[in-house]
C-alpha atoms as a PDB file:
ATOM      1  CA  MET A   1     -42.154  -1.721  31.620  1.00  0.00           C
ATOM      2  CA  VAL A   2     -41.892  -4.652  29.208  1.00  0.00           C
ATOM      3  CA  ASN A   3     -42.308  -2.253  26.318  1.00  0.00           C
ATOM      4  CA  ALA A   4     -39.449  -0.133  27.652  1.00  0.00           C
ATOM      5  CA  TYR A   5     -37.173  -3.184  27.746  1.00  0.00           C
ATOM      6  CA  LYS A   6     -38.252  -4.205  24.262  1.00  0.00           C
ATOM      7  CA  SER A   7     -37.525  -0.717  23.000  1.00  0.00           C
ATOM      8  CA  MET A   8     -34.085  -0.690  24.663  1.00  0.00           C
ATOM      9  CA  TYR A   9     -33.375  -4.146  23.245  1.00  0.00           C
ATOM     10  CA  GLU A  10     -34.282  -3.026  19.714  1.00  0.00           C
ATOM     11  CA  GLU A  11     -32.142   0.096  20.042  1.00  0.00           C
ATOM     12  CA  SER A  12     -29.197  -1.911  21.290  1.00  0.00           C
ATOM     13  CA  LYS A  13     -29.709  -4.456  18.519  1.00  0.00           C
ATOM     14  CA  GLN A  14     -29.697  -1.672  15.900  1.00  0.00           C
ATOM     15  CA  HIS A  15     -26.614  -0.127  17.494  1.00  0.00           C
ATOM     16  CA  ALA A  16     -24.817  -3.493  17.454  1.00  0.00           C
ATOM     17  CA  GLU A  17     -25.727  -3.978  13.792  1.00  0.00           C
ATOM     18  CA  ALA A  18     -24.418  -0.499  12.933  1.00  0.00           C
ATOM     19  CA  LEU A  19     -21.162  -1.263  14.744  1.00  0.00           C
ATOM     20  CA  LYS A  20     -20.874  -4.583  12.936  1.00  0.00           C
ATOM     21  CA  GLU A  21     -21.334  -2.869   9.556  1.00  0.00           C
ATOM     22  CA  ALA A  22     -18.779  -0.201  10.475  1.00  0.00           C
ATOM     23  CA  LEU A  23     -16.286  -2.875  11.527  1.00  0.00           C
ATOM     24  CA  THR A  24     -16.783  -4.728   8.246  1.00  0.00           C
ATOM     25  CA  GLU A  25     -16.194  -1.504   6.324  1.00  0.00           C
ATOM     26  CA  VAL A  26     -13.035  -0.718   8.310  1.00  0.00           C
ATOM     27  CA  GLN A  27     -11.722  -4.244   7.702  1.00  0.00           C
ATOM     28  CA  GLN A  28     -12.329  -3.865   3.963  1.00  0.00           C
ATOM     29  CA  LEU A  29     -10.592  -0.485   3.931  1.00  0.00           C
ATOM     30  CA  LEU A  30      -7.625  -1.974   5.778  1.00  0.00           C
ATOM     31  CA  LYS A  31      -7.437  -4.865   3.323  1.00  0.00           C
ATOM     32  CA  THR A  32      -7.517  -2.480   0.364  1.00  0.00           C
ATOM     33  CA  ALA A  33      -4.898  -0.196   1.895  1.00  0.00           C
ATOM     34  CA  THR A  34      -2.638  -3.158   2.652  1.00  0.00           C
ATOM     35  CA  GLU A  35      -2.900  -4.401  -0.937  1.00  0.00           C
ATOM     36  CA  GLN A  36      -2.175  -0.929  -2.308  1.00  0.00           C
ATOM     37  CA  TYR A  37       0.814  -0.533   0.006  1.00  0.00           C
ATOM     38  CA  GLY A  38       2.174  -3.881  -1.175  1.00  0.00           C
ATOM     39  CA  GLU A  39       1.850  -2.794  -4.799  1.00  0.00           C
ATOM     40  CA  LEU A  40       3.574   0.515  -4.077  1.00  0.00           C
ATOM     41  CA  GLU A  41       6.357  -1.230  -2.204  1.00  0.00           C
ATOM     42  CA  THR A  42       6.900  -3.591  -5.145  1.00  0.00           C
ATOM     43  CA  LYS A  43       6.987  -0.706  -7.624  1.00  0.00           C
ATOM     44  CA  HIS A  44       9.425   1.157  -5.390  1.00  0.00           C
ATOM     45  CA  LYS A  45      11.769  -1.856  -5.236  1.00  0.00           C
ATOM     46  CA  GLU A  46      11.573  -2.240  -9.012  1.00  0.00           C
ATOM     47  CA  SER A  47      12.395   1.445  -9.420  1.00  0.00           C
ATOM     48  CA  GLU A  48      15.364   1.155  -7.055  1.00  0.00           C
ATOM     49  CA  LEU A  49      16.696  -1.862  -8.969  1.00  0.00           C
ATOM     50  CA  ALA A  50      16.309  -0.060 -12.294  1.00  0.00           C
ATOM     51  CA  HIS A  51      18.140   2.946 -10.856  1.00  0.00           C
ATOM     52  CA  GLU A  52      20.978   0.742  -9.601  1.00  0.00           C
ATOM     53  CA  GLU A  53      21.245  -0.888 -13.034  1.00  0.00           C
ATOM     54  CA  ILE A  54      21.474   2.519 -14.719  1.00  0.00           C
ATOM     55  CA  ILE A  55      24.200   3.626 -12.316  1.00  0.00           C
ATOM     56  CA  ALA A  56      26.132   0.394 -12.905  1.00  0.00           C
ATOM     57  CA  LYS A  57      25.873   0.843 -16.684  1.00  0.00           C
ATOM     58  CA  LYS A  58      27.054   4.451 -16.428  1.00  0.00           C
ATOM     59  CA  LYS A  59      30.053   3.311 -14.395  1.00  0.00           C
ATOM     60  CA  ASN A  60      30.890   0.752 -17.071  1.00  0.00           C
ATOM     61  CA  VAL A  61      30.453   3.257 -19.919  1.00  0.00           C
ATOM     62  CA  SER A  62      32.529   6.071 -18.377  1.00  0.00           C
ATOM     63  CA  PRO A  63      35.910   4.295 -18.610  1.00  0.00           C
ATOM     64  CA  VAL A  64      35.143   3.297 -22.214  1.00  0.00           C
ATOM     65  CA  LYS A  65      34.311   6.902 -23.125  1.00  0.00           C
ATOM     66  CA  GLU A  66      37.500   8.099 -21.442  1.00  0.00           C
ATOM     67  CA  GLY A  67      39.498   5.513 -23.347  1.00  0.00           C
ATOM     68  CA  ILE A  68      37.963   6.581 -26.628  1.00  0.00           C
ATOM     69  CA  GLY A  69      38.575  10.242 -25.804  1.00  0.00           C
ATOM     70  CA  ASN A  70      42.214   9.599 -24.956  1.00  0.00           C
ATOM     71  CA  SER A  71      42.875   7.591 -28.098  1.00  0.00           C
ATOM     72  CA  LYS A  72      41.902  10.441 -30.409  1.00  0.00           C
END
């Protein structure tokens, strides 16, 4: 009977260790995904700002082009 308990203890210990390793792996994956999401979010914001700058420049250039076209 003692051997049965020892065997069950070892199995449960191995199972707990496997769960611990899986949890560590999931935590690392979450950390990596969070970092990647942050980088993507930053790039997206930079892209939006660049787009807004281009639109603003086009708005400023259009009246000048019209003025040049009308003066000819």
